[in-house]
Structures are given as C-alpha cells and as structure tokens.
Amino acid sequence: GQGRCFPFWQEVLACYVVNTSTGDDSGKKKCLPVLEDYYECLHHKKEHKRVQELQQAYRKAHSRYDREDGPTAGQIRNLGLLGKEEDTKAVLGAK
C-alpha cells in the first residue's frame, strides 16, 4: 500500500511540475507551503511542539492547585494490596 504521506508528496510533485521548468527553478518558492505540509506529515515537528506546549501548560496549571487532602504516594502504592485495606479505604473514600 501507499505510505501515509504519499498524497502530500504527490501535491509537492504537482506543484513543482506546474511552477518550474528545466531552465527556471524560481517557481519552487511557490511550493514551500506544500513542501512544509509534506515534511510535517513525515516528521510531526509542529505537532510535537504543540503537544509539548499543551502538556507544559497543563502541568503549570495543575501545579497551582495543591491537594492538601490528597493521598500520599505510599497510600497510592498500597492500593489493592492484601493487608493494606485501610490505605485503600482512605484513598477511595470508602467507609
């Protein structure tokens, strides 16, 4: 089958065919947006950057609201273990 970016590559080639000739390559500048889309499909750099920005913003917003009544790390590690039912009840809020 064809690769996931093949349609983008076809657009790049079509743009080059329409905008360039054997002696004149000045039309390549018109193909930069299409070429950029193709590279994004291959490498996902813009997508990765956006995801990192969103994760950083989420962590920053989440760190502002400290949970005073939250479970301790030890209680979380003990969830569902035999002999640690009191930790499980404390974390889950069961009485």
Protein backbone atom coordinates (compact mmCIF):
# COMPACT_ATOMS: atom_id res chain seq x y z
CA GLY A 1 0.00 0.00 0.00
CA GLN A 2 0.95 3.61 -0.18
CA GLY A 3 2.51 5.48 2.72
CA ARG A 4 0.60 7.93 4.87
CA CYS A 5 2.41 10.92 3.34
CA PHE A 6 2.16 9.87 -0.29
CA PRO A 7 -0.75 12.24 -1.07
CA PHE A 8 1.35 15.14 0.26
CA TRP A 9 4.28 14.04 -1.89
CA GLN A 10 2.01 13.99 -4.94
CA GLU A 11 0.98 17.56 -4.17
CA VAL A 12 4.65 18.61 -3.94
CA LEU A 13 5.46 16.99 -7.28
CA ALA A 14 2.40 18.52 -8.93
CA CYS A 15 3.39 21.94 -7.63
CA TYR A 16 6.93 21.54 -8.97
CA VAL A 17 5.66 20.39 -12.37
CA VAL A 18 3.31 23.36 -12.67
CA ASN A 19 5.64 26.06 -11.31
CA THR A 20 9.11 25.09 -12.58
CA SER A 21 10.73 24.33 -15.88
CA THR A 22 14.03 22.82 -16.91
CA GLY A 23 15.81 26.17 -17.10
CA ASP A 24 13.89 28.10 -14.44
CA ASP A 25 13.63 26.93 -10.82
CA SER A 26 12.30 30.22 -9.44
CA GLY A 27 8.80 28.72 -9.08
CA LYS A 28 9.96 26.48 -6.24
CA LYS A 29 9.22 29.28 -3.79
CA LYS A 30 5.53 28.88 -4.57
CA CYS A 31 5.75 25.27 -3.42
CA LEU A 32 7.16 25.96 0.06
CA PRO A 33 3.79 25.67 1.89
CA VAL A 34 3.06 22.35 0.19
CA LEU A 35 6.57 21.10 0.94
CA GLU A 36 6.18 22.20 4.56
CA ASP A 37 2.97 20.14 4.81
CA TYR A 38 4.83 17.12 3.43
CA TYR A 39 7.66 17.50 5.98
CA GLU A 40 5.12 17.89 8.78
CA CYS A 41 3.46 14.65 7.67
CA LEU A 42 6.84 12.89 7.75
CA HIS A 43 8.26 14.28 11.00
CA HIS A 44 5.34 15.78 13.01
CA LYS A 45 7.60 18.52 14.42
CA LYS A 46 4.85 21.14 14.69
CA GLU A 47 2.51 18.59 16.24
CA HIS A 48 5.13 17.51 18.79
CA LYS A 49 5.88 21.13 19.66
CA ARG A 50 2.18 21.86 20.17
CA VAL A 51 1.71 18.77 22.36
CA GLN A 52 4.70 19.76 24.50
CA GLU A 53 3.32 23.28 24.91
CA LEU A 54 -0.07 21.91 25.95
CA GLN A 55 1.48 19.45 28.41
CA GLN A 56 3.64 22.20 29.91
CA ALA A 57 0.62 24.48 30.29
CA TYR A 58 -1.37 21.66 31.88
CA ARG A 59 1.41 20.85 34.35
CA LYS A 60 1.81 24.53 35.22
CA ALA A 61 -1.94 24.95 35.81
CA HIS A 62 -2.12 21.67 37.73
CA SER A 63 0.81 22.60 39.99
CA ARG A 64 -1.01 25.75 41.15
CA TYR A 65 -3.68 23.69 42.86
CA ASP A 66 -2.02 21.59 45.51
CA ARG A 67 -4.19 18.89 47.02
CA GLU A 68 -3.88 19.13 50.77
CA ASP A 69 -6.24 16.22 51.31
CA GLY A 70 -4.79 14.07 48.53
CA PRO A 71 -3.45 10.57 49.16
CA THR A 72 0.21 10.07 49.91
CA ALA A 73 2.48 8.24 47.50
CA GLY A 74 2.64 5.33 49.93
CA GLN A 75 -1.14 5.07 50.04
CA ILE A 76 -1.32 5.04 46.26
CA ARG A 77 1.33 2.31 46.03
CA ASN A 78 -0.62 0.20 48.53
CA LEU A 79 -3.92 0.29 46.61
CA GLY A 80 -5.42 -3.18 46.38
CA LEU A 81 -2.66 -4.93 48.36
CA LEU A 82 -3.61 -7.51 50.97
CA GLY A 83 -3.20 -6.20 54.47
CA LYS A 84 -3.39 -2.59 53.29
CA GLU A 85 -7.16 -2.25 53.20
CA GLU A 86 -7.06 0.87 55.40
CA ASP A 87 -4.94 2.69 52.80
CA THR A 88 -7.30 1.63 50.03
CA LYS A 89 -10.30 2.88 52.02
CA ALA A 90 -8.55 6.17 52.77
CA VAL A 91 -7.71 6.79 49.13
CA LEU A 92 -11.07 5.73 47.71
CA GLY A 93 -13.03 7.48 50.44
CA ALA A 94 -14.88 4.29 51.42
CA LYS A 95 -16.14 3.98 54.98
